[in-house]
Amino acid sequence: MELETRIKKAHIHLMKSPETALYSGVMMMGKTEVSDKKITAYTNGVDKVYGREFAAKLSDQELRGLIMHENLHVALRHLIHNKDLFKRNKKIANFAADYVVNGIIKDFKDQGLCKLPKGALVDDKYKDMSMRDIYKLLEKEESEEPDEPEDGDEPEDGDEPGDDGKKGDKGKSEGDKGGKGGDNTSDPFDEHDVDSVSDDPEVLKDMNDQIDNAIREGGILAGRLGVKLPRSIEESLEPVIDWRQELQEFVNSTMKGNDEYTWRKFNRRVIDVMLLPTTENEKVSELIVACDTSGSIGARELSVFAGELASICSSVQPDVVRVLWWDTMVHGEQVFTENFENIATLLKPQGGGGTNVSSVSRYIVEKGYAPDCVVVFTDGYVETTIDWKVSSPTLWMVTMNHRRQFPGKVVTFNQ
């Protein structure tokens, strides 16, 4: 049977299955093609391409697994929402994206529906994690690994359409059980054509809307079949929050929320027409920024966050910006009273041990600080029960484990 016919039959099989009916709209999106080039398979975020030589050797179960793998990359918008990660480190981004989709396929209750082809990366420790969360863990692990002597030439990256798709990986292949384990060498079987993804915001919005509509249509069918949406899909349907806008609105609203009317000074703009009171702030405007130095927050994330915060402070002009450095305790603080635009270059992180964010609350209370608001910048891996006695409005800028319950408003920092 020709591969094109087998792929069509595989699509029909997957669309009828309760577990994969959710993705029926995504399967019909874009183009589905077979290429005679020496490739495995790849997607550009919408279209799916399968290498004839590679796919023809797969069993029907493995072929359905490969098809689901590519369509899950599309459904989860891996290439659209995470292009910055592919640009930063394509290898790690490839692995992170594959761990997500393979984990979903591996957990299908109908074990006869799909089988991951040999070389698929699977590890149970990444269960229910997003691509960005996994990427940050892999990036941290790579930075902590000692350099190994090279044996011959370094393998090609294999992430462009037309490459042979072979590259080394530190992970677990489909045959491994997952969880803790040593290093295994395997060859991810698919590729990610991120270079074909447009940078035009309008084009990206159109792609995102198409995928969103396709998933919602599939969700209707899946709902009729009594299937609960996976957490990763539910999250992908949630609106993407602009953390910069949320941070700015939070600081602006809290720092300027203490203005009171006074008759001691008149409003000069309308003094010729009528006498109206002006606003006067009756208390010192202080902003506390508590930065986690224990986890996976790197210099790049801190620099981006601090740069945005400096811009906001320059416009709001608080009297004091107090930066606290903490892990299991607050190791020190830096106080800025002017020239806020230079904060990003003047920060001096301290700490690097475990994690206990409740120590920040104790520190603020013991010092008697009464800030207008507090912004906590953390990776999210903190104690289960947070003892937060700070009465000031608190915004939690969380880079990773955003499913933790935090005492205040939470915004996911995606950068």
Protein backbone atom coordinates (compact mmCIF):
# COMPACT_ATOMS: atom_id res chain seq x y z
CA MET A 1 0.00 0.00 0.00
CA GLU A 2 1.35 3.45 -0.89
CA LEU A 3 2.41 5.61 2.02
CA GLU A 4 -0.03 8.38 1.07
CA THR A 5 -2.92 5.93 1.40
CA ARG A 6 -1.62 4.60 4.71
CA ILE A 7 -1.40 8.16 6.08
CA LYS A 8 -5.00 8.88 5.05
CA LYS A 9 -6.18 5.69 6.77
CA ALA A 10 -4.14 6.60 9.84
CA HIS A 11 -5.84 10.01 9.95
CA ILE A 12 -9.29 8.43 9.79
CA HIS A 13 -8.35 5.96 12.53
CA LEU A 14 -7.08 8.77 14.79
CA MET A 15 -10.10 11.01 14.12
CA LYS A 16 -12.46 8.22 15.17
CA SER A 17 -10.60 7.38 18.35
CA PRO A 18 -11.94 9.08 21.52
CA GLU A 19 -8.40 9.87 22.68
CA THR A 20 -7.27 11.60 19.50
CA ALA A 21 -10.54 13.00 18.08
CA LEU A 22 -9.57 16.26 19.80
CA TYR A 23 -6.84 16.75 17.20
CA SER A 24 -8.97 16.02 14.13
CA GLY A 25 -9.20 19.71 13.20
CA VAL A 26 -5.43 20.11 13.53
CA MET A 27 -4.84 17.08 11.28
CA MET A 28 -6.88 18.74 8.55
CA MET A 29 -5.00 22.02 8.88
CA GLY A 30 -2.40 23.03 6.32
CA LYS A 31 -0.76 20.49 4.06
CA THR A 32 0.11 16.89 4.74
CA GLU A 33 2.80 15.73 2.31
CA VAL A 34 5.20 12.89 1.67
CA SER A 35 8.71 13.85 0.64
CA ASP A 36 11.18 11.72 -1.30
CA LYS A 37 14.07 13.59 0.32
CA LYS A 38 16.13 11.72 2.88
CA ILE A 39 14.33 13.09 5.95
CA THR A 40 12.30 11.66 8.81
CA ALA A 41 9.42 14.09 9.41
CA TYR A 42 8.91 17.73 10.29
CA THR A 43 6.40 20.52 10.75
CA ASN A 44 6.62 24.28 10.26
CA GLY A 45 3.91 24.92 12.82
CA VAL A 46 1.02 24.22 10.42
CA ASP A 47 2.08 21.85 7.61
CA LYS A 48 3.27 18.31 8.18
CA VAL A 49 5.83 16.51 5.98
CA TYR A 50 6.83 12.84 6.23
CA GLY A 51 9.90 11.24 4.68
CA ARG A 52 8.85 8.37 2.44
CA GLU A 53 11.79 6.08 3.17
CA PHE A 54 11.55 6.56 6.93
CA ALA A 55 7.75 6.43 7.31
CA ALA A 56 7.28 3.48 4.94
CA LYS A 57 9.23 1.24 7.30
CA LEU A 58 6.99 1.98 10.26
CA SER A 59 4.20 -0.28 11.45
CA ASP A 60 0.65 1.12 11.38
CA GLN A 61 0.86 1.87 15.11
CA GLU A 62 4.20 3.63 14.71
CA LEU A 63 2.92 5.61 11.73
CA ARG A 64 -0.02 6.83 13.80
CA GLY A 65 2.45 7.68 16.57
CA LEU A 66 4.54 9.74 14.15
CA ILE A 67 1.45 11.54 12.83
CA MET A 68 0.28 12.35 16.34
CA HIS A 69 3.77 13.55 17.22
CA GLU A 70 3.80 16.15 14.42
CA ASN A 71 0.21 17.23 14.99
CA LEU A 72 0.79 17.68 18.71
CA HIS A 73 3.65 20.06 17.93
CA VAL A 74 1.11 22.05 15.91
CA ALA A 75 -1.69 21.81 18.49
CA LEU A 76 0.60 22.99 21.29
CA ARG A 77 1.98 25.81 19.09
CA HIS A 78 5.53 24.80 19.91
CA LEU A 79 7.09 26.58 16.96
CA ILE A 80 4.86 29.65 17.13
CA HIS A 81 5.10 30.42 20.85
CA ASN A 82 8.66 29.24 21.43
CA LYS A 83 10.60 30.50 18.44
CA ASP A 84 12.87 32.42 20.80
CA LEU A 85 13.90 29.16 22.48
CA PHE A 86 14.79 27.55 19.14
CA LYS A 87 16.90 30.58 18.29
CA ARG A 88 18.60 30.46 21.68
CA ASN A 89 19.48 26.75 21.61
CA LYS A 90 17.87 24.68 18.90
CA LYS A 91 19.06 21.35 20.28
CA ILE A 92 17.59 21.88 23.75
CA ALA A 93 14.37 23.32 22.30
CA ASN A 94 13.98 20.23 20.08
CA PHE A 95 14.35 17.92 23.05
CA ALA A 96 11.98 19.92 25.25
CA ALA A 97 9.24 19.97 22.59
CA ASP A 98 9.63 16.23 21.96
CA TYR A 99 9.45 15.33 25.64
CA VAL A 100 6.09 17.11 25.86
CA VAL A 101 4.38 15.46 22.90
CA ASN A 102 5.84 12.02 23.49
CA GLY A 103 4.68 12.11 27.08
CA ILE A 104 1.12 12.73 25.89
CA ILE A 105 1.27 9.88 23.36
CA LYS A 106 2.82 7.50 25.88
CA ASP A 107 -0.06 8.13 28.29
CA PHE A 108 -2.82 7.22 25.82
CA LYS A 109 -5.03 4.68 27.57
CA ASP A 110 -5.54 2.78 24.33
CA GLN A 111 -2.07 1.25 24.05
CA GLY A 112 -2.90 -0.20 20.65
CA LEU A 113 -3.67 3.21 19.16
CA CYS A 114 -0.16 4.61 18.76
CA LYS A 115 3.39 3.47 19.28
CA LEU A 116 6.32 5.85 19.35
CA PRO A 117 8.95 5.03 16.72
CA LYS A 118 12.40 4.04 17.91
CA GLY A 119 14.39 7.03 19.11
CA ALA A 120 11.48 8.94 20.61
CA LEU A 121 12.46 10.82 23.77
CA VAL A 122 10.38 9.96 26.85
CA ASP A 123 10.96 10.71 30.51
CA ASP A 124 8.27 10.55 33.20
CA LYS A 125 9.91 13.31 35.25
CA TYR A 126 8.67 15.81 32.63
CA LYS A 127 5.05 14.70 32.95
CA ASP A 128 2.55 17.59 32.69
CA MET A 129 5.33 20.13 32.20
CA SER A 130 5.32 22.75 29.45
CA MET A 131 8.00 23.02 26.78
CA ARG A 132 9.41 26.16 28.42
CA ASP A 133 9.63 24.54 31.83
CA ILE A 134 11.45 21.51 30.40
CA TYR A 135 13.71 23.75 28.32
CA LYS A 136 14.86 25.65 31.40
CA LEU A 137 15.62 22.42 33.27
CA LEU A 138 17.57 20.99 30.33
CA GLU A 139 19.45 24.25 29.86
CA LYS A 140 20.42 24.28 33.51
CA GLU A 141 21.52 20.62 33.39
CA GLU A 142 23.65 21.27 30.32
CA SER A 143 25.36 24.25 31.93
CA GLU A 144 26.26 22.12 34.96
CA GLU A 145 27.73 19.23 32.96
CA PRO A 146 31.53 19.01 32.55
CA ASP A 147 32.86 19.10 29.02
CA GLU A 148 33.49 15.64 27.58
CA PRO A 149 36.31 14.83 25.17
CA GLU A 150 35.17 14.62 21.58
CA ASP A 151 35.43 11.33 19.72
CA GLY A 152 35.60 12.32 16.12
CA ASP A 153 33.47 14.91 14.41
CA GLU A 154 30.50 16.45 16.15
CA PRO A 155 27.16 15.23 14.68
CA GLU A 156 25.10 17.54 12.53
CA ASP A 157 22.24 19.36 14.20
CA GLY A 158 19.74 17.77 11.84
CA ASP A 159 16.97 20.26 12.45
CA GLU A 160 16.45 21.63 8.98
CA PRO A 161 14.27 20.00 6.35
CA GLY A 162 16.54 18.00 4.10
CA ASP A 163 19.01 16.93 6.83
CA ASP A 164 19.20 13.30 7.80
CA GLY A 165 17.66 14.04 11.19
CA LYS A 166 20.44 12.28 13.08
CA LYS A 167 21.87 13.92 16.13
CA GLY A 168 23.01 12.87 19.55
CA ASP A 169 20.77 13.37 22.57
CA LYS A 170 21.13 13.08 26.26
CA GLY A 171 17.74 11.68 27.17
CA LYS A 172 15.67 8.54 27.16
CA SER A 173 14.48 6.72 24.12
CA GLU A 174 11.00 5.25 23.83
CA GLY A 175 12.23 1.94 25.19
CA ASP A 176 13.23 3.44 28.51
CA LYS A 177 10.83 3.51 31.43
CA GLY A 178 11.44 7.16 32.28
CA GLY A 179 12.02 8.73 35.63
CA LYS A 180 15.52 8.77 37.05
CA GLY A 181 18.25 7.23 35.04
CA GLY A 182 21.59 7.62 33.37
CA ASP A 183 22.44 9.08 30.02
CA ASN A 184 21.27 7.30 26.90
CA THR A 185 22.12 8.15 23.34
CA SER A 186 19.20 8.23 20.93
CA ASP A 187 18.28 9.93 17.67
CA PRO A 188 15.10 12.04 17.75
CA PHE A 189 13.14 11.01 14.74
CA ASP A 190 11.46 14.28 13.80
CA GLU A 191 12.70 17.74 12.90
CA HIS A 192 11.39 21.25 13.52
CA ASP A 193 11.34 23.72 10.64
CA VAL A 194 11.36 26.80 12.85
CA ASP A 195 13.13 28.91 10.22
CA SER A 196 9.98 28.82 8.08
CA VAL A 197 7.86 30.34 10.85
CA SER A 198 7.12 33.98 10.08
CA ASP A 199 8.16 36.82 12.38
CA ASP A 200 5.23 38.95 11.21
CA PRO A 201 2.86 39.45 14.21
CA GLU A 202 -0.20 39.45 11.94
CA VAL A 203 0.82 36.16 10.30
CA LEU A 204 1.52 34.59 13.70
CA LYS A 205 -1.83 35.77 15.03
CA ASP A 206 -3.60 34.23 12.03
CA MET A 207 -1.76 30.92 12.55
CA ASN A 208 -2.57 30.97 16.24
CA ASP A 209 -6.25 31.66 15.56
CA GLN A 210 -6.43 28.83 13.01
CA ILE A 211 -4.96 26.37 15.51
CA ASP A 212 -7.20 27.64 18.28
CA ASN A 213 -10.32 27.18 16.15
CA ALA A 214 -9.17 23.73 14.99
CA ILE A 215 -8.64 22.55 18.57
CA ARG A 216 -11.95 23.95 19.76
CA GLU A 217 -13.75 22.19 16.90
CA GLY A 218 -11.99 18.96 17.77
CA GLY A 219 -12.78 19.58 21.43
CA ILE A 220 -16.50 19.57 20.64
CA LEU A 221 -16.18 16.13 19.08
CA ALA A 222 -13.96 14.88 21.91
CA GLY A 223 -16.45 16.19 24.45
CA ARG A 224 -19.25 14.24 22.81
CA LEU A 225 -17.09 11.14 23.17
CA GLY A 226 -16.63 11.88 26.87
CA VAL A 227 -12.93 12.75 26.70
CA LYS A 228 -11.36 15.21 29.14
CA LEU A 229 -8.92 17.66 27.59
CA PRO A 230 -5.26 17.14 28.59
CA ARG A 231 -3.82 19.84 30.86
CA SER A 232 -1.35 20.93 28.16
CA ILE A 233 -4.18 21.51 25.68
CA GLU A 234 -6.31 23.37 28.22
CA GLU A 235 -3.36 25.67 28.92
CA SER A 236 -2.77 26.25 25.22
CA LEU A 237 -6.35 27.49 24.88
CA GLU A 238 -5.91 30.00 27.68
CA PRO A 239 -5.20 33.56 26.55
CA VAL A 240 -1.51 34.47 26.54
CA ILE A 241 -0.93 37.17 29.14
CA ASP A 242 1.58 39.90 28.39
CA TRP A 243 3.69 39.90 31.56
CA ARG A 244 5.13 43.33 30.76
CA GLN A 245 1.67 44.86 30.62
CA GLU A 246 0.59 43.06 33.80
CA LEU A 247 3.71 44.22 35.65
CA GLN A 248 3.25 47.80 34.51
CA GLU A 249 -0.43 47.91 35.41
CA PHE A 250 0.24 46.40 38.84
CA VAL A 251 2.99 48.88 39.74
CA ASN A 252 1.11 51.85 38.32
CA SER A 253 -2.15 51.04 40.09
CA THR A 254 -0.59 50.30 43.48
CA MET A 255 2.04 53.04 43.54
CA LYS A 256 -0.45 55.70 42.46
CA GLY A 257 -3.36 54.36 44.44
CA ASN A 258 -2.63 56.36 47.61
CA ASP A 259 -3.30 59.83 46.26
CA GLU A 260 -5.69 61.88 48.35
CA TYR A 261 -7.39 65.17 47.61
CA THR A 262 -6.19 68.27 49.45
CA TRP A 263 -7.38 71.88 49.57
CA ARG A 264 -3.92 73.10 50.61
CA LYS A 265 -3.01 73.52 46.92
CA PHE A 266 -5.40 74.37 44.08
CA ASN A 267 -5.59 72.69 40.71
CA ARG A 268 -3.94 75.30 38.47
CA ARG A 269 -5.39 73.83 35.27
CA VAL A 270 -8.89 74.99 36.19
CA ILE A 271 -8.17 77.78 38.70
CA ASP A 272 -9.58 80.48 36.38
CA VAL A 273 -12.89 78.65 36.15
CA MET A 274 -13.40 77.11 39.56
CA LEU A 275 -11.51 76.09 42.67
CA LEU A 276 -10.78 72.34 42.81
CA PRO A 277 -8.46 70.40 45.10
CA THR A 278 -5.27 68.76 43.82
CA THR A 279 -4.08 65.26 44.67
CA GLU A 280 -1.35 64.72 47.20
CA ASN A 281 0.33 61.48 48.23
CA GLU A 282 0.28 61.23 52.01
CA LYS A 283 2.85 58.42 52.32
CA VAL A 284 6.28 57.52 50.94
CA SER A 285 6.05 55.47 47.76
CA GLU A 286 8.18 52.34 48.22
CA LEU A 287 8.42 49.32 45.95
CA ILE A 288 10.04 46.08 47.13
CA VAL A 289 11.33 43.63 44.56
CA ALA A 290 12.29 40.21 46.01
CA CYS A 291 14.47 38.16 43.64
CA ASP A 292 14.91 34.40 44.00
CA THR A 293 18.56 33.40 43.63
CA SER A 294 18.10 29.68 44.32
CA GLY A 295 16.67 28.15 41.19
CA SER A 296 16.78 28.32 37.43
CA ILE A 297 16.51 32.08 37.08
CA GLY A 298 19.55 32.98 35.02
CA ALA A 299 21.27 36.25 34.29
CA ARG A 300 19.32 36.67 31.06
CA GLU A 301 15.87 36.38 32.68
CA LEU A 302 16.90 38.68 35.51
CA SER A 303 18.29 41.25 33.05
CA VAL A 304 15.07 41.28 30.99
CA PHE A 305 12.90 41.57 34.10
CA ALA A 306 15.09 44.29 35.65
CA GLY A 307 15.16 46.26 32.42
CA GLU A 308 11.37 46.33 32.23
CA LEU A 309 11.09 47.18 35.91
CA ALA A 310 13.58 50.05 35.50
CA SER A 311 11.49 51.50 32.69
CA ILE A 312 8.35 51.35 34.83
CA CYS A 313 10.07 52.93 37.83
CA SER A 314 11.37 55.76 35.68
CA SER A 315 7.80 56.61 34.69
CA VAL A 316 6.18 56.05 38.11
CA GLN A 317 9.08 57.59 40.09
CA PRO A 318 8.69 55.89 43.47
CA ASP A 319 10.72 57.36 46.33
CA VAL A 320 12.42 54.05 47.07
CA VAL A 321 12.96 50.81 45.17
CA ARG A 322 14.28 48.12 47.52
CA VAL A 323 15.65 44.93 45.92
CA LEU A 324 15.91 41.88 48.22
CA TRP A 325 18.03 38.82 47.38
CA TRP A 326 16.81 35.57 48.89
CA ASP A 327 16.96 31.77 48.83
CA THR A 328 16.32 30.16 52.26
CA MET A 329 16.81 33.61 53.78
CA VAL A 330 17.24 37.21 52.69
CA HIS A 331 20.97 37.67 52.14
CA GLY A 332 20.92 41.38 51.53
CA GLU A 333 19.22 44.31 49.90
CA GLN A 334 19.98 47.11 47.47
CA VAL A 335 18.20 50.44 47.74
CA PHE A 336 17.65 52.76 44.78
CA THR A 337 16.27 56.27 45.14
CA GLU A 338 16.99 57.73 41.70
CA ASN A 339 18.42 56.88 38.29
CA PHE A 340 16.13 53.86 38.09
CA GLU A 341 17.05 53.29 34.46
CA ASN A 342 20.43 52.00 35.70
CA ILE A 343 18.99 49.33 38.00
CA ALA A 344 19.59 46.50 35.51
CA THR A 345 23.35 47.20 35.46
CA LEU A 346 23.73 47.79 39.20
CA LEU A 347 22.10 44.62 40.53
CA LYS A 348 24.34 42.39 42.64
CA PRO A 349 22.63 39.03 43.34
CA GLN A 350 23.43 37.24 46.60
CA GLY A 351 22.65 33.71 47.71
CA GLY A 352 22.32 30.48 45.78
CA GLY A 353 21.18 27.85 48.29
CA GLY A 354 17.78 26.26 48.89
CA THR A 355 14.40 27.95 48.72
CA ASN A 356 12.09 29.45 51.35
CA VAL A 357 10.07 32.44 50.18
CA SER A 358 8.40 32.79 53.59
CA SER A 359 11.74 34.20 54.75
CA VAL A 360 11.03 37.27 52.60
CA SER A 361 7.80 37.91 54.47
CA ARG A 362 9.54 37.55 57.83
CA TYR A 363 12.30 39.92 56.74
CA ILE A 364 9.90 42.62 55.57
CA VAL A 365 7.83 42.39 58.75
CA GLU A 366 10.86 42.36 61.07
CA LYS A 367 12.36 45.39 59.34
CA GLY A 368 9.06 47.23 59.61
CA TYR A 369 8.93 48.01 55.91
CA ALA A 370 5.56 49.23 54.63
CA PRO A 371 5.86 49.21 50.83
CA ASP A 372 3.07 50.24 48.49
CA CYS A 373 3.55 46.91 46.72
CA VAL A 374 5.83 43.89 46.52
CA VAL A 375 6.96 42.07 43.39
CA VAL A 376 8.41 38.58 43.92
CA PHE A 377 10.49 37.18 41.06
CA THR A 378 10.88 33.39 41.42
CA ASP A 379 11.10 30.11 39.53
CA GLY A 380 8.11 28.91 41.58
CA TYR A 381 9.76 25.93 43.26
CA VAL A 382 9.06 27.09 46.79
CA GLU A 383 7.65 25.50 49.93
CA THR A 384 4.16 24.00 49.67
CA THR A 385 2.67 26.22 52.37
CA ILE A 386 3.79 29.84 52.09
CA ASP A 387 3.60 31.90 55.30
CA TRP A 388 3.00 35.36 53.81
CA LYS A 389 2.31 38.03 56.43
CA VAL A 390 2.96 41.03 54.16
CA SER A 391 -0.17 43.17 53.94
CA SER A 392 0.97 45.07 50.84
CA PRO A 393 -0.39 43.98 47.43
CA THR A 394 1.92 41.30 46.04
CA LEU A 395 2.59 40.30 42.44
CA TRP A 396 4.32 36.97 41.82
CA MET A 397 6.38 36.84 38.61
CA VAL A 398 6.82 33.07 38.23
CA THR A 399 9.09 31.56 35.59
CA MET A 400 8.28 27.86 35.93
CA ASN A 401 6.02 26.05 38.41
CA HIS A 402 2.99 28.32 38.01
CA ARG A 403 0.53 25.70 39.31
CA ARG A 404 1.63 26.40 42.88
CA GLN A 405 -0.81 28.43 45.01
CA PHE A 406 0.65 31.87 45.75
CA PRO A 407 -0.80 34.51 48.13
CA GLY A 408 -1.41 37.23 45.59
CA LYS A 409 -1.66 37.81 41.86
CA VAL A 410 0.42 35.47 39.69
CA VAL A 411 1.83 36.25 36.25
CA THR A 412 3.88 33.74 34.26
CA PHE A 413 7.17 35.24 33.13
CA ASN A 414 7.76 33.79 29.63
CA GLN A 415 10.99 34.99 28.12
